């Protein structure tokens, strides 16, 4: 009983060491029961396979080539599909950007037409002309190109056409 108690409490050994020793004793007992009364002897066999040459398996080689070709075709088709898909997405973004630019240019054109219409109002032009001191044109101030000039008067050549509207009183 004392040996059992000493073995149970380990006599100062760690728990993992106790488990290892217990497992080793059980393993040795199992081997004794398996062997029986005779001792087993193993003779190692050294096999030299250096002279052996593996014959090529033509069916397997054909199957591998066919699988590789099918995989390559499948991969190519997937890549073409992906390229087309992403190209269509990219073109969609490009079209949307062009639509936004067109809308922006239309709005700018509309603003410029409104500004032009505002600046070309006859009442506004008349008010600006009066602020600058201009007056209504008198009939003797207008020179028409189709009018005939009296033959008696000498004509001097000019590089610029005469002013059609002159300031009143100057």
Protein backbone atom coordinates (compact mmCIF):
# COMPACT_ATOMS: atom_id res chain seq x y z
CA UNK A 1 0.00 0.00 0.00
CA UNK A 2 2.85 2.38 0.75
CA UNK A 3 4.29 1.95 -2.75
CA UNK A 4 0.89 2.68 -4.20
CA UNK A 5 0.57 5.86 -2.13
CA UNK A 6 4.10 6.93 -3.05
CA UNK A 7 3.37 6.25 -6.71
CA UNK A 8 0.01 8.02 -6.49
CA UNK A 9 1.40 11.18 -4.96
CA UNK A 10 4.42 11.02 -7.22
CA UNK A 11 7.16 11.35 -4.65
CA UNK A 12 8.06 14.81 -5.89
CA UNK A 13 7.63 14.19 -9.65
CA UNK A 14 5.63 16.45 -11.95
CA UNK A 15 2.24 15.35 -13.25
CA UNK A 16 3.35 15.20 -16.90
CA UNK A 17 6.35 13.04 -15.98
CA UNK A 18 4.12 10.67 -14.01
CA UNK A 19 1.77 10.33 -17.02
CA UNK A 20 4.70 9.57 -19.33
CA UNK A 21 6.02 6.85 -17.04
CA UNK A 22 2.58 5.30 -16.66
CA UNK A 23 2.07 5.25 -20.45
CA UNK A 24 5.52 3.69 -20.97
CA UNK A 25 4.70 0.86 -18.53
CA UNK A 26 1.37 0.18 -20.27
CA UNK A 27 3.03 0.15 -23.70
CA UNK A 28 5.70 -2.31 -22.53
CA UNK A 29 3.02 -4.61 -21.10
CA UNK A 30 1.06 -4.52 -24.36
CA UNK A 31 4.14 -5.42 -26.40
CA UNK A 32 4.93 -8.40 -24.15
CA UNK A 33 1.39 -9.70 -24.62
CA UNK A 34 1.55 -9.31 -28.41
CA UNK A 35 4.87 -11.05 -28.93
CA UNK A 36 4.15 -14.11 -27.03
CA UNK A 37 7.03 -16.31 -25.98
CA UNK A 38 9.26 -15.59 -29.02
CA UNK A 39 11.22 -12.47 -29.83
CA UNK A 40 10.45 -10.79 -33.12
CA UNK A 41 13.34 -10.16 -35.46
CA UNK A 42 13.13 -7.76 -38.35
CA UNK A 43 15.50 -8.01 -41.30
CA UNK A 44 15.78 -4.75 -43.23
CA UNK A 45 15.48 -5.10 -47.00
CA UNK A 46 17.38 -2.65 -49.09
CA UNK A 47 15.60 -2.24 -52.42
CA UNK A 48 17.45 -0.53 -55.25
CA UNK A 49 14.99 1.05 -57.71
CA UNK A 50 17.58 3.18 -59.49
CA UNK A 51 17.54 0.98 -62.62
CA UNK A 52 13.77 1.11 -62.98
CA UNK A 53 12.33 3.45 -65.59
CA UNK A 54 8.69 4.44 -65.46
CA UNK A 55 6.91 3.82 -68.74
CA UNK A 56 4.94 6.85 -69.90
CA UNK A 57 1.19 6.49 -69.62
CA UNK A 58 -0.06 7.76 -72.97
CA UNK A 59 -3.73 7.80 -71.90
CA UNK A 60 -2.94 9.89 -68.83
CA UNK A 61 -0.72 12.22 -70.90
CA UNK A 62 -3.54 12.70 -73.44
CA UNK A 63 -6.04 13.39 -70.65
CA UNK A 64 -3.72 15.98 -69.09
CA UNK A 65 -3.21 17.75 -72.42
CA UNK A 66 -6.95 17.76 -73.08
CA UNK A 67 -7.62 19.13 -69.57
CA UNK A 68 -4.97 21.83 -70.04
CA UNK A 69 -6.44 22.87 -73.41
CA UNK A 70 -9.98 22.96 -71.98
CA UNK A 71 -8.80 24.99 -68.98
CA UNK A 72 -7.01 27.43 -71.29
CA UNK A 73 -10.13 27.89 -73.45
CA UNK A 74 -12.29 28.39 -70.36
CA UNK A 75 -9.82 30.90 -68.87
CA UNK A 76 -9.68 32.79 -72.18
CA UNK A 77 -13.46 32.98 -72.39
CA UNK A 78 -13.72 34.21 -68.80
CA UNK A 79 -11.09 36.88 -69.47
CA UNK A 80 -12.86 38.04 -72.65
CA UNK A 81 -16.16 38.23 -70.77
CA UNK A 82 -14.52 40.22 -67.95
CA UNK A 83 -12.83 42.56 -70.43
CA UNK A 84 -16.15 43.22 -72.22
CA UNK A 85 -17.98 43.70 -68.94
CA UNK A 86 -15.53 46.23 -67.54
CA UNK A 87 -15.25 47.99 -70.91
CA UNK A 88 -19.02 48.45 -70.99
CA UNK A 89 -18.97 49.84 -67.46
CA UNK A 90 -16.15 52.23 -68.39
CA UNK A 91 -18.01 53.35 -71.53
CA UNK A 92 -21.14 53.91 -69.43
CA UNK A 93 -19.19 56.23 -67.13
CA UNK A 94 -17.76 58.03 -70.16
CA UNK A 95 -21.24 58.50 -71.70
CA UNK A 96 -22.60 59.85 -68.40
CA UNK A 97 -19.69 62.30 -68.15
CA UNK A 98 -20.35 63.46 -71.73
CA UNK A 99 -24.06 63.89 -70.95
CA UNK A 100 -23.22 66.03 -67.91
CA UNK A 101 -20.81 68.12 -69.98
CA UNK A 102 -23.46 68.58 -72.70
CA UNK A 103 -26.04 69.67 -70.14
CA UNK A 104 -23.53 72.10 -68.61
CA UNK A 105 -22.75 73.58 -72.06
CA UNK A 106 -26.48 73.90 -72.84
CA UNK A 107 -27.02 75.79 -69.59
CA UNK A 108 -24.06 78.05 -70.34
CA UNK A 109 -25.41 78.67 -73.87
CA UNK A 110 -28.82 79.55 -72.41
CA UNK A 111 -27.22 82.00 -69.98
CA UNK A 112 -25.22 83.62 -72.79
CA UNK A 113 -28.34 83.97 -74.96
CA UNK A 114 -30.18 85.62 -72.06
CA UNK A 115 -27.25 87.99 -71.53
CA UNK A 116 -27.17 88.78 -75.27
CA UNK A 117 -30.91 89.46 -75.33
CA UNK A 118 -30.59 91.70 -72.28
CA UNK A 119 -27.71 93.67 -73.73
CA UNK A 120 -29.34 94.04 -77.18
CA UNK A 121 -32.54 95.69 -75.91
CA UNK A 122 -33.14 98.90 -77.92
CA UNK A 123 -34.32 100.83 -74.84
CA UNK A 124 -31.08 100.01 -73.00
CA UNK A 125 -28.93 101.01 -75.99
CA UNK A 126 -30.88 104.27 -76.36
CA UNK A 127 -30.44 105.08 -72.65
CA UNK A 128 -26.68 104.40 -72.83
CA UNK A 129 -26.36 106.57 -75.95
CA UNK A 130 -28.14 109.47 -74.24
CA UNK A 131 -25.86 109.07 -71.18
CA UNK A 132 -22.85 109.44 -73.49
CA UNK A 133 -24.33 112.61 -74.98
CA UNK A 134 -25.47 111.17 -78.28
CA UNK A 135 -28.63 112.43 -79.91
CA UNK A 136 -31.02 111.38 -82.66
CA UNK A 137 -29.43 111.43 -86.08
CA UNK A 138 -30.34 114.31 -88.35
CA UNK A 139 -30.98 113.51 -92.01
CA UNK A 140 -28.01 115.61 -93.21
CA UNK A 141 -25.61 113.54 -91.05
CA UNK A 142 -26.37 110.29 -92.84
CA UNK A 143 -24.37 109.46 -95.94
CA UNK A 144 -25.69 106.56 -97.97
CA UNK A 145 -23.36 104.66 -100.23
CA UNK A 146 -25.95 104.44 -102.99
CA UNK A 147 -26.42 108.25 -103.12
CA UNK A 148 -24.78 110.11 -105.97
CA UNK A 149 -22.29 112.80 -105.11
CA UNK A 150 -22.60 116.14 -106.99
CA UNK A 151 -20.09 116.24 -109.88
CA UNK A 152 -19.00 119.76 -109.14
CA UNK A 153 -17.55 118.98 -105.77
CA UNK A 154 -14.08 117.40 -105.66
CA UNK A 155 -13.86 114.06 -103.83
CA UNK A 156 -10.90 113.17 -101.70
CA UNK A 157 -10.01 109.49 -101.22
CA UNK A 158 -10.36 108.24 -97.70
CA UNK A 159 -9.04 105.05 -96.15
CA UNK A 160 -11.99 104.62 -93.75
CA UNK A 161 -15.68 105.09 -94.54
CA UNK A 162 -17.25 108.20 -93.06
CA UNK A 163 -19.02 107.90 -89.72
CA UNK A 164 -22.73 107.30 -90.18
CA UNK A 165 -23.76 108.53 -86.75
CA UNK A 166 -22.17 111.70 -85.46
CA UNK A 167 -22.70 113.25 -82.07
CA UNK A 168 -25.32 115.94 -82.08
CA UNK A 169 -23.88 119.46 -82.01
CA UNK A 170 -20.20 118.70 -82.41
